[in-house]
Amino acid sequence: MKAMILLEQNKIFNNHFPLQLADIPMPVIKNSEILVKINACAVCHTDLDEIEGRIILNKLPVVLGHQIAGRVAETRSPLYKTGDRVGIGWIYSSCGSCEYCRNNNENLCIDFKATGKDADGGYAEFISVKAEYAYRIPDNIDDISAAPLLCAGGVGYRSLILSGIKNGQSLGFTGFGASAHILLKLVKLKYPDVKTYVFARSREQRDFALSLGADWAGETEEYAPKKLDSIIDTTPVWKPVVESLKNLKSGGRLVINAIRKEETDKESLFKLNYERDLWLEKEIKSVANVTSNDLKDFLKLSQALSIKPEVKTYKLEEANKAIFDLKSSNIKGALVLVN
């Protein structure tokens, strides 16, 4: 089968193509597994972290990609039949028996395995996975729209839960890419009385946020018109984290929705002003991956509310172009590879 593979970790620069088109063996499924014909796979900033070495890879070469939508081509599980539409997210497997797994927090499992990291992912024509880690895609969501919901949406949904936001409160977003734009759509439908404030570095992203119904949009360093109850950070760098804290109410919460931050921006952490940024019982909470229940619940919610992300599509063979566009922040919504 065709796949875009990563052979080595390295910084992305001009005329450097990190992924190579290759012909690799088809997956052979075992008991309780399914083989999925991939129709769409969204591109995530975590893929950039893997390419550039901010996430340590124990498997090379590897097929990246963990926001996958397709159809079951072969099954050795009673959970699915051939032809069923399914999605696969960042969670590839967990131990199933530790205290975290027993309490539906398998994202914290020490044996957590990630799709496109510990096992080959979705930048390919097929993938195999245990049936319990695949999720039915609702009929009213097409594959291209479904793909970003499997991480940008699912992890964003977990961030929203952890923010503790209630209807009638105020919510901020730092950064406005794939995850934040899906979350804004969700908030407008699920919490119609929540006022939303977006901090983004580019005029295009701020205008995009306003076009989707944000109540205010400003630059990363700006003060919002009012102090906010919660803020969700979706950026790959530290500066927006520090800048956003000054916009929180006393007792407010900042949720960091990112697996890794870029090392080159660490100096921003030392500019944190305790009295202005953290005093008066402000909180910082991190998001660790995603659980199976998060993905199941968010797909159902997306079906009920007809949430559809804005997407730009690329052919599988154009994965390097998609990666470069993501790296340069040349995006509006989500980027999706299609077969």
C-alpha atoms as a PDB file:
ATOM      1  CA  MET A   1       0.000   0.000   0.000  1.00  0.00           C
ATOM      2  CA  LYS A   2       1.011   3.636  -0.422  1.00  0.00           C
ATOM      3  CA  ALA A   3       2.140   5.584   2.636  1.00  0.00           C
ATOM      4  CA  MET A   4       3.975   8.793   3.460  1.00  0.00           C
ATOM      5  CA  ILE A   5       6.643   7.720   5.952  1.00  0.00           C
ATOM      6  CA  LEU A   6       8.952   9.557   8.343  1.00  0.00           C
ATOM      7  CA  LEU A   7      12.485   8.118   8.252  1.00  0.00           C
ATOM      8  CA  GLU A   8      14.225  10.484  10.670  1.00  0.00           C
ATOM      9  CA  GLN A   9      13.455  13.383  12.977  1.00  0.00           C
ATOM     10  CA  ASN A  10      14.776  16.766  11.890  1.00  0.00           C
ATOM     11  CA  LYS A  11      13.841  20.430  11.816  1.00  0.00           C
ATOM     12  CA  ILE A  12      11.682  21.495   8.879  1.00  0.00           C
ATOM     13  CA  PHE A  13      13.263  24.055   6.582  1.00  0.00           C
ATOM     14  CA  ASN A  14      13.007  25.199   2.958  1.00  0.00           C
ATOM     15  CA  ASN A  15      13.517  22.456   0.358  1.00  0.00           C
ATOM     16  CA  HIS A  16      13.523  19.798   3.083  1.00  0.00           C
ATOM     17  CA  PHE A  17      10.793  17.193   2.606  1.00  0.00           C
ATOM     18  CA  PRO A  18      10.406  15.255   5.874  1.00  0.00           C
ATOM     19  CA  LEU A  19       8.018  12.599   4.516  1.00  0.00           C
ATOM     20  CA  GLN A  20       8.688  10.148   1.710  1.00  0.00           C
ATOM     21  CA  LEU A  21       6.169   8.313  -0.442  1.00  0.00           C
ATOM     22  CA  ALA A  22       6.751   4.568  -0.059  1.00  0.00           C
ATOM     23  CA  ASP A  23       5.159   1.220  -0.813  1.00  0.00           C
ATOM     24  CA  ILE A  24       4.874  -0.669   2.489  1.00  0.00           C
ATOM     25  CA  PRO A  25       3.223  -3.991   3.440  1.00  0.00           C
ATOM     26  CA  MET A  26      -0.487  -4.080   4.178  1.00  0.00           C
ATOM     27  CA  PRO A  27      -1.332  -4.521   7.876  1.00  0.00           C
ATOM     28  CA  VAL A  28      -2.317  -8.057   8.878  1.00  0.00           C
ATOM     29  CA  ILE A  29      -5.057  -8.013  11.471  1.00  0.00           C
ATOM     30  CA  LYS A  30      -5.235 -10.216  14.567  1.00  0.00           C
ATOM     31  CA  ASN A  31      -8.159 -11.295  16.737  1.00  0.00           C
ATOM     32  CA  SER A  32     -10.295  -8.355  17.946  1.00  0.00           C
ATOM     33  CA  GLU A  33      -8.805  -6.076  15.284  1.00  0.00           C
ATOM     34  CA  ILE A  34     -10.192  -4.393  12.191  1.00  0.00           C
ATOM     35  CA  LEU A  35      -8.551  -3.283   8.949  1.00  0.00           C
ATOM     36  CA  VAL A  36      -9.686   0.180   7.871  1.00  0.00           C
ATOM     37  CA  LYS A  37      -9.498   1.638   4.363  1.00  0.00           C
ATOM     38  CA  ILE A  38      -8.504   5.240   5.045  1.00  0.00           C
ATOM     39  CA  ASN A  39     -10.484   7.902   3.212  1.00  0.00           C
ATOM     40  CA  ALA A  40      -9.282  10.959   5.125  1.00  0.00           C
ATOM     41  CA  CYS A  41      -6.654  11.862   7.721  1.00  0.00           C
ATOM     42  CA  ALA A  42      -6.338  15.321   9.237  1.00  0.00           C
ATOM     43  CA  VAL A  43      -2.946  16.909   9.894  1.00  0.00           C
ATOM     44  CA  CYS A  44      -2.131  17.918  13.482  1.00  0.00           C
ATOM     45  CA  HIS A  45       0.529  20.091  15.114  1.00  0.00           C
ATOM     46  CA  THR A  46       1.545  16.977  17.043  1.00  0.00           C
ATOM     47  CA  ASP A  47       2.699  15.576  13.680  1.00  0.00           C
ATOM     48  CA  LEU A  48       5.064  18.563  13.480  1.00  0.00           C
ATOM     49  CA  ASP A  49       6.306  17.825  17.000  1.00  0.00           C
ATOM     50  CA  GLU A  50       7.085  14.263  15.950  1.00  0.00           C
ATOM     51  CA  ILE A  51       8.888  15.343  12.775  1.00  0.00           C
ATOM     52  CA  GLU A  52      10.993  17.978  14.530  1.00  0.00           C
ATOM     53  CA  GLY A  53      11.874  15.850  17.566  1.00  0.00           C
ATOM     54  CA  ARG A  54       9.881  17.497  20.347  1.00  0.00           C
ATOM     55  CA  ILE A  55       8.227  14.108  20.832  1.00  0.00           C
ATOM     56  CA  ILE A  56      10.629  11.183  21.179  1.00  0.00           C
ATOM     57  CA  LEU A  57       9.856   8.382  18.734  1.00  0.00           C
ATOM     58  CA  ASN A  58      10.747   4.794  19.585  1.00  0.00           C
ATOM     59  CA  LYS A  59       9.547   3.623  16.179  1.00  0.00           C
ATOM     60  CA  LEU A  60      11.254   4.710  12.939  1.00  0.00           C
ATOM     61  CA  PRO A  61      10.327   4.679  10.175  1.00  0.00           C
ATOM     62  CA  VAL A  62       6.764   5.501  11.153  1.00  0.00           C
ATOM     63  CA  VAL A  63       3.561   6.508   9.397  1.00  0.00           C
ATOM     64  CA  LEU A  64       2.232   9.650  11.080  1.00  0.00           C
ATOM     65  CA  GLY A  65      -1.411  10.691  11.404  1.00  0.00           C
ATOM     66  CA  HIS A  66      -4.001  10.160  14.142  1.00  0.00           C
ATOM     67  CA  GLN A  67      -7.224  11.808  12.904  1.00  0.00           C
ATOM     68  CA  ILE A  68      -8.498   9.057  10.636  1.00  0.00           C
ATOM     69  CA  ALA A  69     -11.824   8.383   8.943  1.00  0.00           C
ATOM     70  CA  GLY A  70     -12.593   5.423   6.691  1.00  0.00           C
ATOM     71  CA  ARG A  71     -14.450   2.143   6.224  1.00  0.00           C
ATOM     72  CA  VAL A  72     -13.869  -1.308   7.663  1.00  0.00           C
ATOM     73  CA  ALA A  73     -12.282  -3.450   4.933  1.00  0.00           C
ATOM     74  CA  GLU A  74     -11.771  -6.586   7.042  1.00  0.00           C
ATOM     75  CA  THR A  75     -12.804  -7.530  10.555  1.00  0.00           C
ATOM     76  CA  ARG A  76     -11.940 -10.051  13.228  1.00  0.00           C
ATOM     77  CA  SER A  77     -14.209  -8.484  15.811  1.00  0.00           C
ATOM     78  CA  PRO A  78     -17.974  -8.710  16.431  1.00  0.00           C
ATOM     79  CA  LEU A  79     -18.077  -4.960  17.060  1.00  0.00           C
ATOM     80  CA  TYR A  80     -17.924  -4.044  13.367  1.00  0.00           C
ATOM     81  CA  LYS A  81     -18.810  -5.482  10.005  1.00  0.00           C
ATOM     82  CA  THR A  82     -17.232  -4.837   6.622  1.00  0.00           C
ATOM     83  CA  GLY A  83     -18.307  -1.460   5.231  1.00  0.00           C
ATOM     84  CA  ASP A  84     -18.920   0.244   8.586  1.00  0.00           C
ATOM     85  CA  ARG A  85     -17.646   3.821   8.760  1.00  0.00           C
ATOM     86  CA  VAL A  86     -15.238   4.390  11.646  1.00  0.00           C
ATOM     87  CA  GLY A  87     -12.841   6.946  13.027  1.00  0.00           C
ATOM     88  CA  ILE A  88      -9.534   6.449  14.822  1.00  0.00           C
ATOM     89  CA  GLY A  89      -7.893   9.028  17.094  1.00  0.00           C
ATOM     90  CA  TRP A  90      -4.654   9.572  19.032  1.00  0.00           C
ATOM     91  CA  ILE A  91      -5.414   6.743  21.456  1.00  0.00           C
ATOM     92  CA  TYR A  92      -4.284   3.511  19.761  1.00  0.00           C
ATOM     93  CA  SER A  93      -4.403   1.337  22.899  1.00  0.00           C
ATOM     94  CA  SER A  94      -3.986   1.254  26.676  1.00  0.00           C
ATOM     95  CA  CYS A  95      -3.467  -1.526  29.224  1.00  0.00           C
ATOM     96  CA  GLY A  96      -7.144  -1.693  30.200  1.00  0.00           C
ATOM     97  CA  SER A  97      -6.448  -2.776  33.784  1.00  0.00           C
ATOM     98  CA  CYS A  98      -4.646   0.017  35.671  1.00  0.00           C
ATOM     99  CA  GLU A  99      -6.460   2.440  37.997  1.00  0.00           C
ATOM    100  CA  TYR A 100      -6.694   5.032  35.227  1.00  0.00           C
ATOM    101  CA  CYS A 101      -8.142   2.633  32.653  1.00  0.00           C
ATOM    102  CA  ARG A 102     -10.618   1.250  35.178  1.00  0.00           C
ATOM    103  CA  ASN A 103     -11.888   4.803  35.775  1.00  0.00           C
ATOM    104  CA  ASN A 104     -12.144   5.697  32.053  1.00  0.00           C
ATOM    105  CA  ASN A 105      -9.017   7.861  32.216  1.00  0.00           C
ATOM    106  CA  GLU A 106      -6.937   5.701  29.905  1.00  0.00           C
ATOM    107  CA  ASN A 107      -5.265   8.857  28.569  1.00  0.00           C
ATOM    108  CA  LEU A 108      -3.190   8.735  31.792  1.00  0.00           C
ATOM    109  CA  CYS A 109      -2.285   5.032  31.443  1.00  0.00           C
ATOM    110  CA  ILE A 110       1.470   4.407  31.636  1.00  0.00           C
ATOM    111  CA  ASP A 111       1.077   1.924  28.749  1.00  0.00           C
ATOM    112  CA  PHE A 112      -0.824   4.407  26.556  1.00  0.00           C
ATOM    113  CA  LYS A 113       0.032   3.823  22.890  1.00  0.00           C
ATOM    114  CA  ALA A 114      -0.477   6.587  20.340  1.00  0.00           C
ATOM    115  CA  THR A 115      -1.634   6.266  16.729  1.00  0.00           C
ATOM    116  CA  GLY A 116       0.986   7.575  14.312  1.00  0.00           C
ATOM    117  CA  LYS A 117       3.659   7.411  17.020  1.00  0.00           C
ATOM    118  CA  ASP A 118       3.843   4.000  18.691  1.00  0.00           C
ATOM    119  CA  ALA A 119       1.951   2.386  15.807  1.00  0.00           C
ATOM    120  CA  ASP A 120       1.640   3.341  12.140  1.00  0.00           C
ATOM    121  CA  GLY A 121      -1.061   5.918  11.540  1.00  0.00           C
ATOM    122  CA  GLY A 122      -3.205   7.514   8.875  1.00  0.00           C
ATOM    123  CA  TYR A 123      -0.834   8.948   6.254  1.00  0.00           C
ATOM    124  CA  ALA A 124      -1.482   5.741   4.310  1.00  0.00           C
ATOM    125  CA  GLU A 125      -4.157   3.757   2.503  1.00  0.00           C
ATOM    126  CA  PHE A 126      -4.951   1.282   5.319  1.00  0.00           C
ATOM    127  CA  ILE A 127      -4.552   0.926   9.071  1.00  0.00           C
ATOM    128  CA  SER A 128      -5.220  -1.851  11.581  1.00  0.00           C
ATOM    129  CA  VAL A 129      -6.447  -1.218  15.118  1.00  0.00           C
ATOM    130  CA  LYS A 130      -8.200  -2.996  17.977  1.00  0.00           C
ATOM    131  CA  ALA A 131     -11.913  -2.633  17.372  1.00  0.00           C
ATOM    132  CA  GLU A 132     -12.501  -1.061  20.793  1.00  0.00           C
ATOM    133  CA  TYR A 133     -10.354   1.910  19.772  1.00  0.00           C
ATOM    134  CA  ALA A 134     -12.375   2.680  16.658  1.00  0.00           C
ATOM    135  CA  TYR A 135     -15.503   4.851  16.790  1.00  0.00           C
ATOM    136  CA  ARG A 136     -18.604   4.924  14.632  1.00  0.00           C
ATOM    137  CA  ILE A 137     -18.893   8.025  12.474  1.00  0.00           C
ATOM    138  CA  PRO A 138     -22.452   9.423  12.402  1.00  0.00           C
ATOM    139  CA  ASP A 139     -24.243   9.289   9.046  1.00  0.00           C
ATOM    140  CA  ASN A 140     -24.624  13.066   8.841  1.00  0.00           C
ATOM    141  CA  ILE A 141     -20.844  13.673   9.027  1.00  0.00           C
ATOM    142  CA  ASP A 142     -18.772  12.953   5.904  1.00  0.00           C
ATOM    143  CA  ASP A 143     -15.269  11.462   6.230  1.00  0.00           C
ATOM    144  CA  ILE A 144     -13.396  14.681   5.415  1.00  0.00           C
ATOM    145  CA  SER A 145     -15.365  16.583   8.067  1.00  0.00           C
ATOM    146  CA  ALA A 146     -15.054  13.722  10.555  1.00  0.00           C
ATOM    147  CA  ALA A 147     -11.250  13.468  10.435  1.00  0.00           C
ATOM    148  CA  PRO A 148     -10.478  16.719  12.369  1.00  0.00           C
ATOM    149  CA  LEU A 149     -13.110  15.808  14.950  1.00  0.00           C
ATOM    150  CA  LEU A 150     -10.963  12.827  16.027  1.00  0.00           C
ATOM    151  CA  CYS A 151      -8.267  15.004  17.653  1.00  0.00           C
ATOM    152  CA  ALA A 152      -8.663  18.738  17.087  1.00  0.00           C
ATOM    153  CA  GLY A 153     -12.293  18.283  18.093  1.00  0.00           C
ATOM    154  CA  GLY A 154     -11.952  15.467  20.638  1.00  0.00           C
ATOM    155  CA  VAL A 155      -9.029  16.901  22.585  1.00  0.00           C
ATOM    156  CA  GLY A 156     -10.624  20.337  22.296  1.00  0.00           C
ATOM    157  CA  TYR A 157     -13.822  18.899  23.767  1.00  0.00           C
ATOM    158  CA  ARG A 158     -11.820  17.541  26.705  1.00  0.00           C
ATOM    159  CA  SER A 159     -10.272  20.998  27.131  1.00  0.00           C
ATOM    160  CA  LEU A 160     -13.729  22.549  27.239  1.00  0.00           C
ATOM    161  CA  ILE A 161     -14.841  20.114  29.946  1.00  0.00           C
ATOM    162  CA  LEU A 162     -11.696  20.819  31.984  1.00  0.00           C
ATOM    163  CA  SER A 163     -12.268  24.574  31.638  1.00  0.00           C
ATOM    164  CA  GLY A 164     -15.387  24.210  33.784  1.00  0.00           C
ATOM    165  CA  ILE A 165     -17.203  26.783  31.655  1.00  0.00           C
ATOM    166  CA  LYS A 166     -20.882  27.404  32.383  1.00  0.00           C
ATOM    167  CA  ASN A 167     -23.514  29.091  30.264  1.00  0.00           C
ATOM    168  CA  GLY A 168     -23.465  32.848  30.814  1.00  0.00           C
ATOM    169  CA  GLN A 169     -19.726  32.991  31.557  1.00  0.00           C
ATOM    170  CA  SER A 170     -16.852  34.236  29.390  1.00  0.00           C
ATOM    171  CA  LEU A 171     -14.382  32.031  27.516  1.00  0.00           C
ATOM    172  CA  GLY A 172     -11.173  32.911  25.704  1.00  0.00           C
ATOM    173  CA  PHE A 173      -9.121  31.089  23.061  1.00  0.00           C
ATOM    174  CA  THR A 174      -5.432  31.733  22.458  1.00  0.00           C
ATOM    175  CA  GLY A 175      -4.625  30.711  18.905  1.00  0.00           C
ATOM    176  CA  PHE A 176      -7.275  30.011  16.309  1.00  0.00           C
ATOM    177  CA  GLY A 177      -6.443  26.938  14.249  1.00  0.00           C
ATOM    178  CA  ALA A 178      -8.158  23.581  13.793  1.00  0.00           C
ATOM    179  CA  SER A 179      -9.050  22.909  17.431  1.00  0.00           C
ATOM    180  CA  ALA A 180     -10.153  26.410  18.459  1.00  0.00           C
ATOM    181  CA  HIS A 181     -12.412  26.960  15.449  1.00  0.00           C
ATOM    182  CA  ILE A 182     -14.233  23.664  16.124  1.00  0.00           C
ATOM    183  CA  LEU A 183     -14.581  24.579  19.794  1.00  0.00           C
ATOM    184  CA  LEU A 184     -15.987  28.001  18.974  1.00  0.00           C
ATOM    185  CA  LYS A 185     -18.679  26.371  16.846  1.00  0.00           C
ATOM    186  CA  LEU A 186     -19.453  23.947  19.690  1.00  0.00           C
ATOM    187  CA  VAL A 187     -19.661  26.704  22.308  1.00  0.00           C
ATOM    188  CA  LYS A 188     -21.992  28.825  20.185  1.00  0.00           C
ATOM    189  CA  LEU A 189     -24.402  25.891  19.916  1.00  0.00           C
ATOM    190  CA  LYS A 190     -24.075  24.280  23.354  1.00  0.00           C
ATOM    191  CA  TYR A 191     -23.570  27.427  25.454  1.00  0.00           C
ATOM    192  CA  PRO A 192     -25.348  30.222  23.549  1.00  0.00           C
ATOM    193  CA  ASP A 193     -24.954  32.732  26.403  1.00  0.00           C
ATOM    194  CA  VAL A 194     -21.174  32.312  26.732  1.00  0.00           C
ATOM    195  CA  LYS A 195     -19.232  35.310  25.416  1.00  0.00           C
ATOM    196  CA  THR A 196     -16.151  34.272  23.425  1.00  0.00           C
ATOM    197  CA  TYR A 197     -12.858  36.139  23.061  1.00  0.00           C
ATOM    198  CA  VAL A 198     -10.074  35.134  20.657  1.00  0.00           C
ATOM    199  CA  PHE A 199      -6.386  36.059  20.848  1.00  0.00           C
ATOM    200  CA  ALA A 200      -4.540  35.349  17.588  1.00  0.00           C
ATOM    201  CA  ARG A 201      -1.401  36.721  15.984  1.00  0.00           C
ATOM    202  CA  SER A 202      -2.693  37.100  12.427  1.00  0.00           C
ATOM    203  CA  ARG A 203      -5.415  39.375  11.096  1.00  0.00           C
ATOM    204  CA  GLU A 204      -6.743  36.491   8.971  1.00  0.00           C
ATOM    205  CA  GLN A 205      -7.239  34.276  12.029  1.00  0.00           C
ATOM    206  CA  ARG A 206      -8.937  37.091  13.961  1.00  0.00           C
ATOM    207  CA  ASP A 207     -11.276  37.852  11.068  1.00  0.00           C
ATOM    208  CA  PHE A 208     -12.012  34.138  10.714  1.00  0.00           C
ATOM    209  CA  ALA A 209     -12.935  33.950  14.407  1.00  0.00           C
ATOM    210  CA  LEU A 210     -15.265  36.940  14.122  1.00  0.00           C
ATOM    211  CA  SER A 211     -16.908  35.427  11.031  1.00  0.00           C
ATOM    212  CA  LEU A 212     -17.724  32.310  13.093  1.00  0.00           C
ATOM    213  CA  GLY A 213     -19.365  34.360  15.829  1.00  0.00           C
ATOM    214  CA  ALA A 214     -16.610  35.324  18.283  1.00  0.00           C
ATOM    215  CA  ASP A 215     -17.647  38.336  20.356  1.00  0.00           C
ATOM    216  CA  TRP A 216     -14.165  39.896  20.247  1.00  0.00           C
ATOM    217  CA  ALA A 217     -10.809  39.172  18.640  1.00  0.00           C
ATOM    218  CA  GLY A 218      -7.449  40.769  19.359  1.00  0.00           C
ATOM    219  CA  GLU A 219      -3.718  40.198  19.159  1.00  0.00           C
ATOM    220  CA  THR A 220      -1.911  37.840  21.526  1.00  0.00           C
ATOM    221  CA  GLU A 221      -0.571  40.671  23.716  1.00  0.00           C
ATOM    222  CA  GLU A 222      -3.867  42.579  24.002  1.00  0.00           C
ATOM    223  CA  TYR A 223      -6.123  42.889  26.993  1.00  0.00           C
ATOM    224  CA  ALA A 224      -9.678  41.661  26.456  1.00  0.00           C
ATOM    225  CA  PRO A 225     -12.510  44.150  27.142  1.00  0.00           C
ATOM    226  CA  LYS A 226     -13.222  42.224  30.375  1.00  0.00           C
ATOM    227  CA  LYS A 227     -11.614  39.607  32.595  1.00  0.00           C
ATOM    228  CA  LEU A 228     -12.503  36.061  31.553  1.00  0.00           C
ATOM    229  CA  ASP A 229     -13.699  33.014  33.509  1.00  0.00           C
ATOM    230  CA  SER A 230     -11.681  30.521  31.463  1.00  0.00           C
ATOM    231  CA  ILE A 231      -9.186  30.499  28.599  1.00  0.00           C
ATOM    232  CA  ILE A 232      -8.158  27.568  26.388  1.00  0.00           C
ATOM    233  CA  ASP A 233      -4.671  27.756  24.888  1.00  0.00           C
ATOM    234  CA  THR A 234      -4.240  25.920  21.566  1.00  0.00           C
ATOM    235  CA  THR A 235      -0.868  27.354  20.521  1.00  0.00           C
ATOM    236  CA  PRO A 236       2.515  25.570  20.141  1.00  0.00           C
ATOM    237  CA  VAL A 237       4.482  28.233  22.053  1.00  0.00           C
ATOM    238  CA  TRP A 238       4.782  29.642  25.587  1.00  0.00           C
ATOM    239  CA  LYS A 239       4.260  33.364  25.016  1.00  0.00           C
ATOM    240  CA  PRO A 240       0.451  33.155  24.557  1.00  0.00           C
ATOM    241  CA  VAL A 241       0.222  31.151  27.802  1.00  0.00           C
ATOM    242  CA  VAL A 242       1.845  33.919  29.817  1.00  0.00           C
ATOM    243  CA  GLU A 243      -0.016  36.660  27.958  1.00  0.00           C
ATOM    244  CA  SER A 244      -3.402  34.989  28.464  1.00  0.00           C
ATOM    245  CA  LEU A 245      -3.065  34.745  32.253  1.00  0.00           C
ATOM    246  CA  LYS A 246      -3.379  38.515  32.626  1.00  0.00           C
ATOM    247  CA  ASN A 247      -6.868  38.236  31.085  1.00  0.00           C
ATOM    248  CA  LEU A 248      -8.213  35.768  33.661  1.00  0.00           C
ATOM    249  CA  LYS A 249     -10.566  36.696  36.483  1.00  0.00           C
ATOM    250  CA  SER A 250      -9.602  35.917  40.048  1.00  0.00           C
ATOM    251  CA  GLY A 251     -10.140  32.177  40.420  1.00  0.00           C
ATOM    252  CA  GLY A 252     -10.160  31.751  36.633  1.00  0.00           C
ATOM    253  CA  ARG A 253      -8.704  28.749  34.841  1.00  0.00           C
ATOM    254  CA  LEU A 254      -6.316  28.430  31.905  1.00  0.00           C
ATOM    255  CA  VAL A 255      -6.383  25.064  30.100  1.00  0.00           C
ATOM    256  CA  ILE A 256      -3.336  24.229  27.969  1.00  0.00           C
ATOM    257  CA  ASN A 257      -4.408  22.095  25.009  1.00  0.00           C
ATOM    258  CA  ALA A 258      -1.028  21.004  23.632  1.00  0.00           C
ATOM    259  CA  ILE A 259       1.218  17.984  24.090  1.00  0.00           C
ATOM    260  CA  ARG A 260       4.426  19.935  23.532  1.00  0.00           C
ATOM    261  CA  LYS A 261       5.568  23.548  23.408  1.00  0.00           C
ATOM    262  CA  GLU A 262       8.415  24.667  21.173  1.00  0.00           C
ATOM    263  CA  GLU A 263      11.656  24.762  23.161  1.00  0.00           C
ATOM    264  CA  THR A 264      12.859  27.984  21.506  1.00  0.00           C
ATOM    265  CA  ASP A 265      10.133  29.954  23.272  1.00  0.00           C
ATOM    266  CA  LYS A 266      10.922  28.894  26.856  1.00  0.00           C
ATOM    267  CA  GLU A 267      12.241  32.328  27.773  1.00  0.00           C
ATOM    268  CA  SER A 268       8.631  33.590  27.783  1.00  0.00           C
ATOM    269  CA  LEU A 269       8.041  31.579  30.956  1.00  0.00           C
ATOM    270  CA  PHE A 270      10.502  33.758  32.852  1.00  0.00           C
ATOM    271  CA  LYS A 271       8.463  36.857  32.038  1.00  0.00           C
ATOM    272  CA  LEU A 272       5.567  35.607  34.151  1.00  0.00           C
ATOM    273  CA  ASN A 273       4.527  38.235  36.711  1.00  0.00           C
ATOM    274  CA  TYR A 274       3.171  36.383  39.736  1.00  0.00           C
ATOM    275  CA  GLU A 275       1.067  39.224  41.139  1.00  0.00           C
ATOM    276  CA  ARG A 276      -0.522  40.031  37.768  1.00  0.00           C
ATOM    277  CA  ASP A 277      -0.659  36.558  36.206  1.00  0.00           C
ATOM    278  CA  LEU A 278      -1.178  33.901  38.902  1.00  0.00           C
ATOM    279  CA  TRP A 279      -2.168  35.533  42.165  1.00  0.00           C
ATOM    280  CA  LEU A 280      -5.774  35.466  43.434  1.00  0.00           C
ATOM    281  CA  GLU A 281      -6.191  31.712  42.934  1.00  0.00           C
ATOM    282  CA  LYS A 282      -5.893  31.526  39.175  1.00  0.00           C
ATOM    283  CA  GLU A 283      -5.339  27.979  37.886  1.00  0.00           C
ATOM    284  CA  ILE A 284      -3.376  26.334  35.077  1.00  0.00           C
ATOM    285  CA  LYS A 285      -4.503  22.881  33.955  1.00  0.00           C
ATOM    286  CA  SER A 286      -2.980  20.683  31.247  1.00  0.00           C
ATOM    287  CA  VAL A 287      -4.753  18.332  28.863  1.00  0.00           C
ATOM    288  CA  ALA A 288      -3.286  14.836  28.468  1.00  0.00           C
ATOM    289  CA  ASN A 289      -4.343  13.294  25.191  1.00  0.00           C
ATOM    290  CA  VAL A 290      -7.899  11.989  24.924  1.00  0.00           C
ATOM    291  CA  THR A 291     -10.024   9.104  26.195  1.00  0.00           C
ATOM    292  CA  SER A 292     -12.291   6.752  24.282  1.00  0.00           C
ATOM    293  CA  ASN A 293     -15.317   8.266  25.977  1.00  0.00           C
ATOM    294  CA  ASP A 294     -14.246  11.772  24.884  1.00  0.00           C
ATOM    295  CA  LEU A 295     -14.271  10.693  21.238  1.00  0.00           C
ATOM    296  CA  LYS A 296     -17.541   8.761  21.507  1.00  0.00           C
ATOM    297  CA  ASP A 297     -19.280  11.633  23.288  1.00  0.00           C
ATOM    298  CA  PHE A 298     -17.927  14.323  20.984  1.00  0.00           C
ATOM    299  CA  LEU A 299     -18.934  12.451  17.828  1.00  0.00           C
ATOM    300  CA  LYS A 300     -22.469  12.094  19.211  1.00  0.00           C
ATOM    301  CA  LEU A 301     -22.516  15.780  20.116  1.00  0.00           C
ATOM    302  CA  SER A 302     -21.241  16.706  16.652  1.00  0.00           C
ATOM    303  CA  GLN A 303     -24.042  14.633  15.140  1.00  0.00           C
ATOM    304  CA  ALA A 304     -26.705  16.244  17.312  1.00  0.00           C
ATOM    305  CA  LEU A 305     -25.454  19.806  16.753  1.00  0.00           C
ATOM    306  CA  SER A 306     -24.351  19.272  13.119  1.00  0.00           C
ATOM    307  CA  ILE A 307     -20.843  20.562  13.830  1.00  0.00           C
ATOM    308  CA  LYS A 308     -18.787  20.696  10.641  1.00  0.00           C
ATOM    309  CA  PRO A 309     -15.199  22.009  10.610  1.00  0.00           C
ATOM    310  CA  GLU A 310     -13.767  24.257   7.916  1.00  0.00           C
ATOM    311  CA  VAL A 311     -11.215  22.206   5.955  1.00  0.00           C
ATOM    312  CA  LYS A 312      -8.595  22.437   3.243  1.00  0.00           C
ATOM    313  CA  THR A 313      -7.843  19.158   1.467  1.00  0.00           C
ATOM    314  CA  TYR A 314      -4.654  17.691   0.022  1.00  0.00           C
ATOM    315  CA  LYS A 315      -3.912  14.414  -1.724  1.00  0.00           C
ATOM    316  CA  LEU A 316      -1.978  11.863   0.348  1.00  0.00           C
ATOM    317  CA  GLU A 317       1.081  12.495  -1.830  1.00  0.00           C
ATOM    318  CA  GLU A 318       0.866  16.208  -0.907  1.00  0.00           C
ATOM    319  CA  ALA A 319       1.428  15.556   2.802  1.00  0.00           C
ATOM    320  CA  ASN A 320       4.684  17.544   2.802  1.00  0.00           C
ATOM    321  CA  LYS A 321       2.854  20.607   1.446  1.00  0.00           C
ATOM    322  CA  ALA A 322       0.245  20.273   4.188  1.00  0.00           C
ATOM    323  CA  ILE A 323       3.014  20.021   6.795  1.00  0.00           C
ATOM    324  CA  PHE A 324       4.731  23.143   5.445  1.00  0.00           C
ATOM    325  CA  ASP A 325       1.426  25.054   5.418  1.00  0.00           C
ATOM    326  CA  LEU A 326       0.826  24.062   9.043  1.00  0.00           C
ATOM    327  CA  LYS A 327       4.364  25.032  10.019  1.00  0.00           C
ATOM    328  CA  SER A 328       3.967  28.477   8.456  1.00  0.00           C
ATOM    329  CA  SER A 329       0.499  28.930  10.030  1.00  0.00           C
ATOM    330  CA  ASN A 330      -0.851  29.219   6.489  1.00  0.00           C
ATOM    331  CA  ILE A 331      -4.143  27.690   7.588  1.00  0.00           C
ATOM    332  CA  LYS A 332      -7.788  28.513   8.054  1.00  0.00           C
ATOM    333  CA  GLY A 333      -9.501  25.694   9.888  1.00  0.00           C
ATOM    334  CA  ALA A 334      -8.201  22.120   9.517  1.00  0.00           C
ATOM    335  CA  LEU A 335      -5.932  20.463   6.935  1.00  0.00           C
ATOM    336  CA  VAL A 336      -6.994  17.021   5.675  1.00  0.00           C
ATOM    337  CA  LEU A 337      -5.250  14.415   3.495  1.00  0.00           C
ATOM    338  CA  VAL A 338      -7.602  12.425   1.261  1.00  0.00           C
ATOM    339  CA  ASN A 339      -7.210   9.101  -0.574  1.00  0.00           C
END
